[in-house]
N, C-alpha and C. Protein backbone atom coordinates (compact mmCIF):
# COMPACT_ATOMS: atom_id res chain seq x y z
N MET A 1 -15.28 16.36 -2.92
CA MET A 1 -14.28 15.55 -2.72
C MET A 1 -14.65 14.08 -1.48
N ASN A 2 -14.43 12.82 -2.12
CA ASN A 2 -14.91 11.75 -0.98
C ASN A 2 -13.74 11.60 -0.11
N CYS A 3 -14.37 11.27 1.28
CA CYS A 3 -13.35 10.67 2.17
C CYS A 3 -12.36 9.18 1.77
N VAL A 4 -11.22 9.37 2.39
CA VAL A 4 -10.56 8.15 2.03
C VAL A 4 -9.86 7.48 3.64
N ALA A 5 -9.70 6.30 3.99
CA ALA A 5 -9.31 5.96 5.04
C ALA A 5 -8.01 5.48 4.63
N ALA A 6 -6.81 6.17 5.20
CA ALA A 6 -4.86 5.41 5.14
C ALA A 6 -4.94 4.59 6.25
N LEU A 7 -4.66 3.64 6.47
CA LEU A 7 -4.87 2.60 7.28
C LEU A 7 -3.08 2.10 7.33
N CYS A 8 -2.83 2.04 8.24
CA CYS A 8 -1.40 1.48 8.83
C CYS A 8 0.02 2.57 8.25
N VAL A 9 -1.04 3.92 8.51
CA VAL A 9 0.60 4.87 7.92
C VAL A 9 0.89 5.23 9.72
N ASP A 10 2.19 5.94 9.44
CA ASP A 10 3.29 6.50 10.50
C ASP A 10 2.24 7.39 11.22
N ARG A 11 2.51 8.00 12.50
CA ARG A 11 1.94 9.16 13.09
C ARG A 11 2.75 9.97 12.58
N ASP A 12 3.31 10.43 12.16
CA ASP A 12 4.70 11.65 11.39
C ASP A 12 4.00 11.25 9.51
N SER A 13 3.01 10.36 9.35
CA SER A 13 3.36 10.23 8.01
C SER A 13 2.56 11.43 7.09
N ILE A 14 3.05 11.59 6.18
CA ILE A 14 2.50 12.41 5.14
C ILE A 14 0.63 12.34 4.63
N TYR A 15 0.46 11.83 5.25
CA TYR A 15 -1.12 10.92 4.51
C TYR A 15 -2.06 12.22 5.68
N HIS A 16 -0.97 12.32 6.97
CA HIS A 16 -1.77 13.44 8.14
C HIS A 16 -1.84 14.62 7.39
N THR A 17 -1.73 14.66 5.99
CA THR A 17 -1.60 16.53 6.01
C THR A 17 -2.39 16.85 4.79
N LEU A 18 -2.89 15.56 4.13
CA LEU A 18 -3.86 15.50 3.13
C LEU A 18 -4.86 16.27 3.18
N PRO A 19 -5.97 16.73 2.35
CA PRO A 19 -7.14 17.00 2.60
C PRO A 19 -7.96 15.37 2.71
N ASP A 20 -9.39 15.79 3.27
CA ASP A 20 -10.37 14.61 3.49
C ASP A 20 -9.41 13.07 3.18
N VAL A 21 -8.63 13.10 4.37
CA VAL A 21 -7.88 11.45 4.10
C VAL A 21 -8.14 11.45 6.00
N GLU A 22 -8.72 10.56 6.07
CA GLU A 22 -9.34 9.88 7.80
C GLU A 22 -7.73 8.69 8.38
N CYS A 23 -6.74 9.24 8.81
CA CYS A 23 -5.35 8.24 9.05
C CYS A 23 -5.58 7.22 10.05
N TYR A 24 -5.35 6.15 10.54
CA TYR A 24 -5.65 4.91 11.28
C TYR A 24 -3.74 4.64 11.33
N ASP A 25 -3.08 5.38 12.59
CA ASP A 25 -1.30 5.02 12.74
C ASP A 25 -2.11 4.37 14.02
N ILE A 26 -0.43 4.15 15.02
CA ILE A 26 -0.59 3.82 16.14
C ILE A 26 -1.88 3.60 17.09
N GLY A 27 -1.89 5.30 17.13
CA GLY A 27 -2.80 5.88 18.17
C GLY A 27 -4.37 5.64 17.80
N ARG A 28 -4.74 5.49 16.39
CA ARG A 28 -6.13 4.92 16.24
C ARG A 28 -5.76 4.08 15.13
N ASP A 29 -5.80 2.68 16.01
CA ASP A 29 -6.19 1.47 15.80
C ASP A 29 -6.67 1.03 14.41
N VAL A 30 -5.94 0.58 13.39
CA VAL A 30 -6.81 0.43 12.69
C VAL A 30 -7.92 -1.15 12.41
N ARG A 31 -7.68 -1.55 13.80
CA ARG A 31 -8.79 -2.50 13.88
C ARG A 31 -10.29 -1.80 14.70
N THR A 32 -9.90 -0.54 14.80
CA THR A 32 -11.23 0.30 15.04
C THR A 32 -11.82 0.91 13.87
N PHE A 33 -11.06 0.77 12.58
CA PHE A 33 -11.98 1.61 11.30
C PHE A 33 -13.12 0.30 10.76
N ARG A 34 -14.34 0.64 10.49
CA ARG A 34 -15.49 0.67 10.38
C ARG A 34 -16.34 0.87 9.20
N GLY A 35 -14.99 1.19 7.92
CA GLY A 35 -15.45 0.89 6.11
C GLY A 35 -16.53 2.23 6.19
N GLY A 36 -16.76 2.08 5.07
CA GLY A 36 -17.88 3.33 4.69
C GLY A 36 -16.90 4.13 3.84
N MET A 37 -15.94 4.49 3.51
CA MET A 37 -15.05 4.79 2.63
C MET A 37 -13.61 4.01 1.99
N PRO A 38 -13.43 4.37 0.78
CA PRO A 38 -12.22 4.10 0.11
C PRO A 38 -11.22 3.47 1.43
N ILE A 39 -9.73 2.84 0.59
CA ILE A 39 -8.80 2.93 1.56
C ILE A 39 -7.97 2.95 0.90
N VAL A 40 -6.63 3.12 1.51
CA VAL A 40 -5.20 3.53 0.77
C VAL A 40 -4.48 2.30 2.26
N ALA A 41 -4.23 1.32 2.27
CA ALA A 41 -3.78 0.59 3.78
C ALA A 41 -2.09 -0.10 2.97
N HIS A 42 -1.19 0.63 3.63
CA HIS A 42 -0.15 -0.09 4.02
C HIS A 42 0.05 -0.67 5.22
N PRO A 43 -0.43 -2.29 5.31
CA PRO A 43 0.09 -2.92 6.55
C PRO A 43 1.26 -3.35 6.84
N PRO A 44 1.66 -3.70 7.75
CA PRO A 44 3.06 -3.63 8.09
C PRO A 44 3.74 -4.95 7.58
N CYS A 45 5.03 -5.07 6.78
CA CYS A 45 5.35 -5.38 5.90
C CYS A 45 6.44 -6.83 6.57
N ARG A 46 6.73 -6.41 7.29
CA ARG A 46 8.48 -7.19 8.49
C ARG A 46 8.13 -8.75 8.04
N SER A 47 6.76 -8.82 8.73
CA SER A 47 6.49 -10.37 8.91
C SER A 47 5.79 -11.18 7.35
N TRP A 48 5.55 -10.10 6.40
CA TRP A 48 5.75 -11.00 5.15
C TRP A 48 6.58 -10.51 4.10
N SER A 49 7.60 -10.39 4.53
CA SER A 49 8.12 -10.37 3.55
C SER A 49 8.91 -11.45 3.05
N ALA A 50 9.20 -11.48 1.76
CA ALA A 50 9.70 -12.47 0.37
C ALA A 50 11.34 -12.68 1.33
N PHE A 51 11.65 -11.75 1.32
CA PHE A 51 13.30 -12.16 1.89
C PHE A 51 13.76 -11.63 3.35
N CYS A 52 13.39 -11.41 3.90
CA CYS A 52 13.70 -11.07 5.33
C CYS A 52 12.93 -11.17 6.55
N ALA A 53 11.45 -12.35 6.10
CA ALA A 53 10.73 -12.38 7.71
C ALA A 53 11.42 -13.48 8.46
N HIS A 54 12.41 -13.75 8.35
CA HIS A 54 12.85 -14.85 8.61
C HIS A 54 13.44 -14.32 9.92
N GLN A 55 14.04 -12.99 9.85
CA GLN A 55 14.49 -12.28 10.58
C GLN A 55 13.94 -11.04 11.41
N ALA A 56 12.59 -11.46 11.39
CA ALA A 56 11.95 -9.96 11.42
C ALA A 56 11.24 -10.56 13.07
N LYS A 57 10.98 -9.70 13.57
CA LYS A 57 10.43 -9.23 15.09
C LYS A 57 9.21 -8.65 15.05
N PRO A 58 7.96 -9.38 14.63
CA PRO A 58 6.53 -8.70 14.71
C PRO A 58 5.95 -8.77 15.77
N VAL A 59 5.46 -7.40 15.87
CA VAL A 59 4.66 -7.56 17.63
C VAL A 59 3.28 -8.48 17.51
N PRO A 60 2.81 -9.05 18.87
CA PRO A 60 1.80 -9.87 18.76
C PRO A 60 0.44 -9.29 17.97
N GLY A 61 0.12 -9.94 17.41
CA GLY A 61 -1.23 -9.24 16.01
C GLY A 61 -0.54 -8.76 15.09
N GLU A 62 0.33 -8.20 14.68
CA GLU A 62 1.06 -7.38 13.59
C GLU A 62 0.63 -8.26 12.16
N ARG A 63 0.94 -9.42 12.06
CA ARG A 63 0.67 -10.41 11.15
C ARG A 63 -0.83 -10.53 10.61
N GLU A 64 -1.63 -10.37 11.19
CA GLU A 64 -3.25 -10.46 10.98
C GLU A 64 -3.64 -9.12 10.25
N ILE A 65 -2.88 -7.89 10.77
CA ILE A 65 -3.02 -6.76 10.28
C ILE A 65 -3.19 -6.54 8.43
N GLY A 66 -2.22 -7.72 8.42
CA GLY A 66 -2.21 -7.72 6.47
C GLY A 66 -3.57 -8.19 6.34
N LEU A 67 -3.98 -9.04 6.85
CA LEU A 67 -5.05 -9.86 6.87
C LEU A 67 -6.52 -8.89 6.79
N LEU A 68 -6.49 -8.47 7.57
CA LEU A 68 -7.60 -7.31 7.77
C LEU A 68 -7.66 -5.71 7.15
N CYS A 69 -6.30 -5.93 6.45
CA CYS A 69 -6.06 -4.47 5.62
C CYS A 69 -6.97 -5.38 3.91
N ALA A 70 -6.08 -6.50 3.57
CA ALA A 70 -7.05 -6.84 2.66
C ALA A 70 -8.81 -7.05 2.58
N TYR A 71 -9.23 -7.80 3.74
CA TYR A 71 -10.34 -7.95 3.47
C TYR A 71 -11.61 -6.70 3.39
N TRP A 72 -10.43 -4.97 4.27
CA TRP A 72 -10.89 -4.02 3.99
C TRP A 72 -11.31 -3.22 2.52
N LEU A 73 -9.91 -3.79 1.87
CA LEU A 73 -9.50 -3.60 0.75
C LEU A 73 -10.89 -4.27 -0.58
N ARG A 74 -10.64 -5.26 -0.05
CA ARG A 74 -12.26 -6.11 -0.73
C ARG A 74 -13.32 -5.32 -0.35
N LYS A 75 -13.88 -5.38 0.48
CA LYS A 75 -15.31 -4.57 1.07
C LYS A 75 -15.21 -3.45 0.40
N CYS A 76 -14.33 -2.10 0.66
CA CYS A 76 -14.25 -1.13 0.51
C CYS A 76 -13.65 -0.14 -0.70
N GLY A 77 -12.91 -1.28 -1.57
CA GLY A 77 -12.36 -0.43 -2.77
C GLY A 77 -11.49 0.01 -1.97
N GLY A 78 -10.13 0.31 -3.55
CA GLY A 78 -9.11 1.19 -2.84
C GLY A 78 -7.68 0.55 -3.44
N VAL A 79 -6.85 0.91 -2.55
CA VAL A 79 -5.10 0.50 -3.10
C VAL A 79 -4.58 -0.09 -1.87
N LEU A 80 -3.91 -1.38 -1.97
CA LEU A 80 -3.09 -1.99 -0.90
C LEU A 80 -1.46 -2.02 -1.05
N GLU A 81 -0.79 -1.52 -0.73
CA GLU A 81 0.48 -1.46 -0.67
C GLU A 81 1.44 -2.15 0.10
N HIS A 82 2.30 -2.74 -0.69
CA HIS A 82 3.19 -3.93 0.05
C HIS A 82 4.36 -3.99 -0.79
N PRO A 83 5.76 -4.82 -0.30
CA PRO A 83 6.58 -4.65 -1.12
C PRO A 83 6.40 -5.52 -2.31
N ALA A 84 7.22 -5.72 -3.49
CA ALA A 84 7.60 -6.63 -4.63
C ALA A 84 7.05 -7.89 -3.62
N HIS A 85 6.55 -8.97 -4.04
CA HIS A 85 7.22 -10.51 -3.64
C HIS A 85 6.49 -11.14 -2.24
N SER A 86 5.41 -10.08 -1.71
CA SER A 86 5.09 -10.34 0.20
C SER A 86 4.48 -11.11 -0.28
N ARG A 87 4.66 -11.92 0.96
CA ARG A 87 3.31 -13.20 0.78
C ARG A 87 2.52 -13.15 1.34
N LEU A 88 1.90 -11.89 1.82
CA LEU A 88 0.48 -11.34 2.27
C LEU A 88 -0.40 -11.60 0.72
N PHE A 89 0.22 -11.33 -0.60
CA PHE A 89 -0.52 -11.79 -1.23
C PHE A 89 -1.34 -12.93 -1.55
N ALA A 90 -0.31 -14.13 -1.62
CA ALA A 90 -0.85 -15.45 -1.68
C ALA A 90 -1.98 -15.81 -0.20
N ALA A 91 -1.26 -15.30 1.12
CA ALA A 91 -2.29 -15.57 2.37
C ALA A 91 -3.46 -14.91 2.11
N ALA A 92 -3.84 -14.13 1.46
CA ALA A 92 -5.10 -12.90 1.66
C ALA A 92 -5.65 -13.14 0.14
N ASP A 93 -5.19 -14.30 -0.59
CA ASP A 93 -5.53 -14.41 -2.25
C ASP A 93 -5.66 -13.35 -2.76
N LEU A 94 -4.90 -12.18 -2.86
CA LEU A 94 -4.71 -11.07 -3.69
C LEU A 94 -4.09 -11.68 -5.27
N PRO A 95 -4.22 -11.21 -6.25
CA PRO A 95 -3.72 -11.15 -7.37
C PRO A 95 -2.18 -11.07 -7.71
N ARG A 96 -1.23 -11.98 -7.89
CA ARG A 96 -0.10 -11.52 -8.42
C ARG A 96 -0.04 -10.55 -9.40
N PRO A 97 0.79 -9.41 -9.79
CA PRO A 97 0.79 -8.77 -10.99
C PRO A 97 0.57 -9.83 -12.42
N GLY A 98 -0.14 -8.97 -12.93
CA GLY A 98 -0.50 -9.74 -14.31
C GLY A 98 -1.95 -10.70 -14.03
N GLU A 99 -2.32 -11.36 -13.11
CA GLU A 99 -3.68 -11.49 -12.75
C GLU A 99 -4.64 -11.00 -12.09
N ASP A 100 -5.50 -11.05 -12.70
CA ASP A 100 -6.97 -10.11 -12.56
C ASP A 100 -8.09 -11.07 -12.30
N ARG A 101 -8.86 -10.56 -10.99
CA ARG A 101 -10.23 -10.66 -10.77
C ARG A 101 -10.95 -9.81 -11.13
N PRO A 102 -12.33 -10.32 -10.93
CA PRO A 102 -13.41 -9.35 -11.35
C PRO A 102 -13.20 -8.21 -10.11
N GLY A 103 -13.11 -6.95 -10.34
CA GLY A 103 -12.82 -5.78 -9.80
C GLY A 103 -11.39 -5.87 -8.50
N LEU A 104 -10.62 -6.66 -9.00
CA LEU A 104 -9.49 -6.89 -8.12
C LEU A 104 -8.05 -6.91 -9.08
N TRP A 105 -7.18 -6.38 -9.17
CA TRP A 105 -6.11 -6.39 -10.35
C TRP A 105 -4.82 -6.00 -9.29
N THR A 106 -3.61 -6.56 -9.66
CA THR A 106 -2.29 -6.14 -9.02
C THR A 106 -1.58 -5.35 -9.68
N ALA A 107 -0.76 -4.45 -9.85
CA ALA A 107 0.23 -3.72 -10.57
C ALA A 107 1.94 -3.79 -9.85
N ASN A 108 2.85 -4.19 -10.48
CA ASN A 108 3.91 -3.99 -9.98
C ASN A 108 4.82 -2.69 -10.46
N VAL A 109 5.01 -1.67 -9.29
CA VAL A 109 5.76 -0.71 -9.60
C VAL A 109 6.94 -0.12 -8.92
N LEU A 110 7.63 0.77 -9.44
CA LEU A 110 8.65 1.26 -8.78
C LEU A 110 8.51 2.50 -8.35
N GLN A 111 8.89 2.65 -6.90
CA GLN A 111 8.19 3.64 -5.77
C GLN A 111 9.41 5.23 -6.87
N HIS A 112 10.52 4.73 -7.37
CA HIS A 112 10.99 5.95 -7.67
C HIS A 112 10.47 6.84 -8.69
N TRP A 113 9.33 6.24 -9.81
CA TRP A 113 8.26 6.74 -10.24
C TRP A 113 7.81 7.77 -10.07
N TRP A 114 7.37 8.08 -8.30
CA TRP A 114 7.37 9.14 -7.89
C TRP A 114 7.99 9.80 -6.97
N HIS A 115 9.91 9.90 -6.90
CA HIS A 115 10.53 10.22 -6.89
C HIS A 115 11.24 9.73 -5.17
N HIS A 116 11.08 8.63 -4.85
CA HIS A 116 11.43 8.01 -3.74
C HIS A 116 12.64 7.84 -3.17
N ALA A 117 13.03 8.52 -2.30
CA ALA A 117 14.69 9.16 -2.57
C ALA A 117 16.05 8.04 -2.85
N GLY A 118 15.56 8.15 -4.01
CA GLY A 118 16.95 7.32 -5.42
C GLY A 118 16.75 5.99 -5.15
N THR A 119 15.88 5.32 -4.46
CA THR A 119 15.83 3.78 -4.74
C THR A 119 14.73 3.46 -5.62
N GLN A 120 14.94 2.17 -6.60
CA GLN A 120 13.43 1.91 -7.03
C GLN A 120 12.84 1.48 -5.94
N LYS A 121 12.91 0.48 -5.10
CA LYS A 121 11.51 0.32 -4.21
C LYS A 121 10.90 -0.36 -5.21
N SER A 122 11.12 -1.98 -5.23
CA SER A 122 9.83 -2.30 -6.48
C SER A 122 8.70 -2.57 -5.35
N THR A 123 7.27 -2.35 -5.43
CA THR A 123 5.93 -2.43 -5.43
C THR A 123 4.98 -3.05 -6.03
N TRP A 124 4.31 -4.05 -4.88
CA TRP A 124 3.21 -4.32 -5.76
C TRP A 124 1.85 -3.60 -4.54
N LEU A 125 0.95 -2.79 -5.98
CA LEU A 125 -0.09 -1.56 -5.46
C LEU A 125 -1.28 -2.93 -6.05
N ALA A 126 -2.56 -3.34 -5.16
CA ALA A 126 -3.51 -4.18 -5.14
C ALA A 126 -4.72 -3.16 -5.40
N PHE A 127 -5.58 -2.69 -6.59
CA PHE A 127 -6.69 -2.69 -6.60
C PHE A 127 -7.92 -3.27 -6.19
N SER A 128 -8.66 -2.60 -5.87
CA SER A 128 -10.30 -2.96 -5.69
C SER A 128 -11.46 -2.16 -5.75
N GLY A 129 -12.21 -2.43 -7.41
CA GLY A 129 -13.13 -1.44 -7.36
C GLY A 129 -13.00 -0.35 -8.37
N ILE A 130 -11.20 -0.74 -8.94
CA ILE A 130 -10.83 0.60 -9.69
C ILE A 130 -10.49 0.04 -10.98
N LEU A 131 -10.80 0.55 -11.92
CA LEU A 131 -10.57 -0.44 -13.33
C LEU A 131 -9.20 0.31 -14.17
N ARG A 132 -8.80 -0.84 -14.53
CA ARG A 132 -7.03 -0.47 -14.51
C ARG A 132 -7.31 0.76 -15.92
N THR A 133 -8.43 0.87 -16.64
CA THR A 133 -8.22 1.97 -17.63
C THR A 133 -8.20 2.93 -16.80
N GLN A 134 -8.84 3.60 -15.86
CA GLN A 134 -8.81 4.56 -14.70
C GLN A 134 -7.26 4.81 -14.17
N VAL A 135 -6.54 4.11 -14.29
CA VAL A 135 -5.45 4.82 -13.55
C VAL A 135 -4.01 4.72 -14.42
N ARG A 136 -3.53 5.67 -14.47
CA ARG A 136 -2.52 6.37 -14.82
C ARG A 136 -1.31 6.10 -14.09
N PHE A 137 -0.14 4.96 -14.92
CA PHE A 137 1.25 5.46 -13.63
C PHE A 137 2.25 6.43 -14.34
N PRO A 138 2.88 7.04 -13.28
CA PRO A 138 4.11 8.37 -14.21
C PRO A 138 5.45 7.71 -13.94
N LEU A 139 5.39 6.57 -15.25
CA LEU A 139 6.55 5.47 -15.15
C LEU A 139 7.65 6.50 -15.79
N GLN A 140 8.71 6.47 -15.05
CA GLN A 140 10.13 6.79 -15.26
C GLN A 140 11.45 6.31 -15.46
N LEU A 141 11.84 6.46 -16.82
CA LEU A 141 12.53 5.62 -17.01
C LEU A 141 14.34 5.96 -16.53
N ARG A 142 15.16 4.77 -15.54
CA ARG A 142 16.28 5.12 -14.73
C ARG A 142 17.38 4.40 -15.39
N GLY A 143 18.90 4.34 -14.72
CA GLY A 143 19.79 2.95 -14.94
C GLY A 143 19.40 1.65 -13.92
N GLN A 144 20.56 0.95 -14.44
CA GLN A 144 20.17 0.04 -13.88
C GLN A 144 21.00 0.40 -12.86
N GLY A 145 20.80 -1.05 -11.28
CA GLY A 145 22.19 -1.12 -10.92
C GLY A 145 21.96 -0.20 -9.71
N GLY A 146 22.83 -0.37 -8.76
CA GLY A 146 23.56 0.90 -7.77
C GLY A 146 22.39 0.91 -6.76
N ASP A 147 21.09 0.03 -6.52
CA ASP A 147 20.32 0.33 -5.67
C ASP A 147 20.61 -0.33 -3.86
N LYS A 148 21.29 -1.06 -3.83
CA LYS A 148 21.63 -2.37 -2.87
C LYS A 148 22.41 -1.38 -1.65
N LEU A 149 23.25 -0.81 -2.41
CA LEU A 149 24.44 -0.18 -1.30
C LEU A 149 23.58 0.95 -0.84
N LEU A 150 22.99 2.04 -1.61
CA LEU A 150 21.87 2.79 -0.92
C LEU A 150 20.82 2.75 -0.35
N TRP A 151 20.17 1.87 -0.41
CA TRP A 151 19.33 1.19 0.20
C TRP A 151 19.68 0.32 1.41
N GLN A 152 20.80 -0.20 1.87
CA GLN A 152 21.61 -0.63 2.99
C GLN A 152 21.82 0.54 3.98
N MET A 153 22.32 1.90 3.14
CA MET A 153 22.76 2.93 4.07
C MET A 153 21.64 3.99 4.32
N MET A 154 21.01 3.67 4.03
CA MET A 154 19.18 4.62 4.20
C MET A 154 18.90 4.37 5.30
N PRO A 155 18.27 5.37 6.18
CA PRO A 155 17.73 5.32 7.61
C PRO A 155 16.42 4.48 7.45
N ARG A 156 16.25 3.36 8.11
CA ARG A 156 15.13 2.56 7.81
C ARG A 156 13.60 3.36 8.40
N LYS A 157 13.59 4.50 8.78
CA LYS A 157 12.68 5.28 8.57
C LYS A 157 12.35 5.93 7.27
N LEU A 158 13.36 5.91 6.71
CA LEU A 158 13.28 6.94 5.20
C LEU A 158 13.19 5.47 4.04
N ARG A 159 13.33 4.25 4.70
CA ARG A 159 13.04 3.11 3.58
C ARG A 159 11.80 2.75 3.70
N SER A 160 11.13 2.91 5.19
CA SER A 160 9.62 2.36 4.55
C SER A 160 8.76 3.62 4.60
N ALA A 161 9.20 4.86 4.73
CA ALA A 161 8.20 6.32 4.36
C ALA A 161 7.59 6.23 2.91
N THR A 162 6.57 7.07 2.95
CA THR A 162 6.14 6.73 2.01
C THR A 162 6.14 8.20 1.41
N CYS A 163 6.44 8.74 0.18
CA CYS A 163 7.25 9.64 -0.25
C CYS A 163 5.79 10.63 -0.64
N PRO A 164 5.64 12.15 -0.85
CA PRO A 164 4.24 12.37 -0.68
C PRO A 164 3.56 12.35 -1.88
N GLU A 165 4.57 12.68 -3.09
CA GLU A 165 3.95 12.15 -4.53
C GLU A 165 3.05 10.72 -4.54
N LEU A 166 3.81 10.09 -4.03
CA LEU A 166 2.89 8.75 -4.18
C LEU A 166 2.24 8.46 -3.14
N ALA A 167 1.98 9.26 -1.97
CA ALA A 167 0.65 9.29 -1.19
C ALA A 167 -0.62 9.79 -1.53
N ALA A 168 0.00 11.06 -2.38
CA ALA A 168 -1.18 12.10 -3.30
C ALA A 168 -1.86 11.10 -4.01
N TRP A 169 -0.87 10.23 -4.92
CA TRP A 169 -1.03 9.18 -6.24
C TRP A 169 -1.93 8.45 -5.63
N LEU A 170 -1.98 7.65 -4.57
CA LEU A 170 -2.77 6.56 -3.99
C LEU A 170 -4.01 6.97 -3.59
N VAL A 171 -3.98 8.43 -2.58
CA VAL A 171 -5.21 8.54 -2.42
C VAL A 171 -6.13 8.82 -3.19
N ALA A 172 -5.51 9.35 -4.56
CA ALA A 172 -6.11 10.20 -5.87
C ALA A 172 -7.13 8.31 -6.29
N ALA A 173 -5.98 7.63 -6.43
CA ALA A 173 -6.60 6.46 -6.99
C ALA A 173 -7.63 5.88 -6.09
N ALA A 174 -7.12 5.74 -4.90
CA ALA A 174 -8.69 5.50 -4.13
C ALA A 174 -9.78 5.96 -4.20
N ARG A 175 -10.10 7.17 -4.27
CA ARG A 175 -11.42 8.10 -4.83
C ARG A 175 -11.73 7.78 -5.86
N LEU A 176 -10.95 6.83 -6.59
CA LEU A 176 -12.00 6.03 -7.97
C LEU A 176 -13.17 4.70 -7.65
N ALA A 177 -12.58 4.46 -6.30
CA ALA A 177 -13.35 3.29 -6.21
C ALA A 177 -14.46 3.26 -5.95
N TRP A 178 -15.37 2.20 -6.61
CA TRP A 178 -16.70 2.18 -6.19
C TRP A 178 -17.10 2.50 -4.90
N LYS A 179 -18.56 3.05 -4.90
CA LYS A 179 -19.19 3.74 -4.05
C LYS A 179 -19.77 3.25 -2.48
N GLU A 180 -20.23 1.43 -3.23
CA GLU A 180 -20.82 0.97 -2.36
C GLU A 180 -20.11 0.14 -1.68
N GLU A 181 -19.89 -0.38 -0.73
CA GLU A 181 -19.22 -1.43 -0.38
C GLU A 181 -19.73 -2.49 -0.28
N ARG A 182 -19.12 -3.71 -0.78
CA ARG A 182 -18.94 -5.36 -1.24
C ARG A 182 -18.77 -6.39 0.21
N VAL A 183 -19.24 -7.15 -0.05
CA VAL A 183 -18.87 -8.11 0.65
C VAL A 183 -18.40 -9.97 0.17
N GLU A 184 -17.43 -9.87 0.29
CA GLU A 184 -16.84 -10.98 -0.48
C GLU A 184 -17.27 -11.99 0.23
């Protein structure tokens, strides 16, 4: 099994429990990552949010980490996860859902497909070095509405956490990435 790097994860993230995953959390700064393996990237999103960036208070340098993760996505292959409509996609020239580029495509998913704590949590996943035909999404239908209040009442830590099923799925998808590094 090939190793995958999980970039920008929490110290207590589920990724730390997955086999053959090298985690880059606040203690192991993502800026020290040197490539050589596919990635699953969760760059900080608050300064890129289409809906709440105006009230975000990112630490100095945090915004640039999103662009760095997009660079590593293109170079090493794998998956980058960010909230739907994230402004990072335009800034890093990543395709929006439905736009394909050679070796690079994006899907809009709902995290409740992987049993995320009761909310739909619309998310964009950018794939690099992975063919669309290789990816199987665990679509689950559910009723409309009712998420806003649940989302507002949910602790911030839980809102930003990656549920175990999604983390395992993202790592498995990243392992499908091309083996060799590319330079764009």
